[in-house]
């Protein structure tokens, strides 16, 4: 998907193109001014992962270039397309867990909530 500061791509390792378990998401930003934003998101993600890992898409690695950067996130999810009770309750439950861990999202909307293996996780934590 395309957001305000970057694009997210589905990526696979070279040997595992047919194995979905090897799929990950990579957020890419272009432009030197966007690198600090992605870095801040990575740092925040790392801190949150220590206490509330099961409610966010965990960043596993970040790489820098002169004019951009990429952040690899473990797990792949699908965006929530409906406003069904199940999704609303899952969103509420996961945001409460995030708040109980001492963090807030800053842009909690359904475009930033992904369904991953029957659980719901937040992404895009740069705010």
Foldseek 3Di string as FASTA:
>chain_A
DDDDFWDKDWDADPVPPPPPQRIWIKTKGFAPVCVVLVVLQLVVLVVLCVQQVQAAQHWDDKDDDPGMIMTITHFDFAFDDDDDPVVVVLLVVSQVSSVVSPDHQVDRDRRQWTQTPNHIHGYDRSD
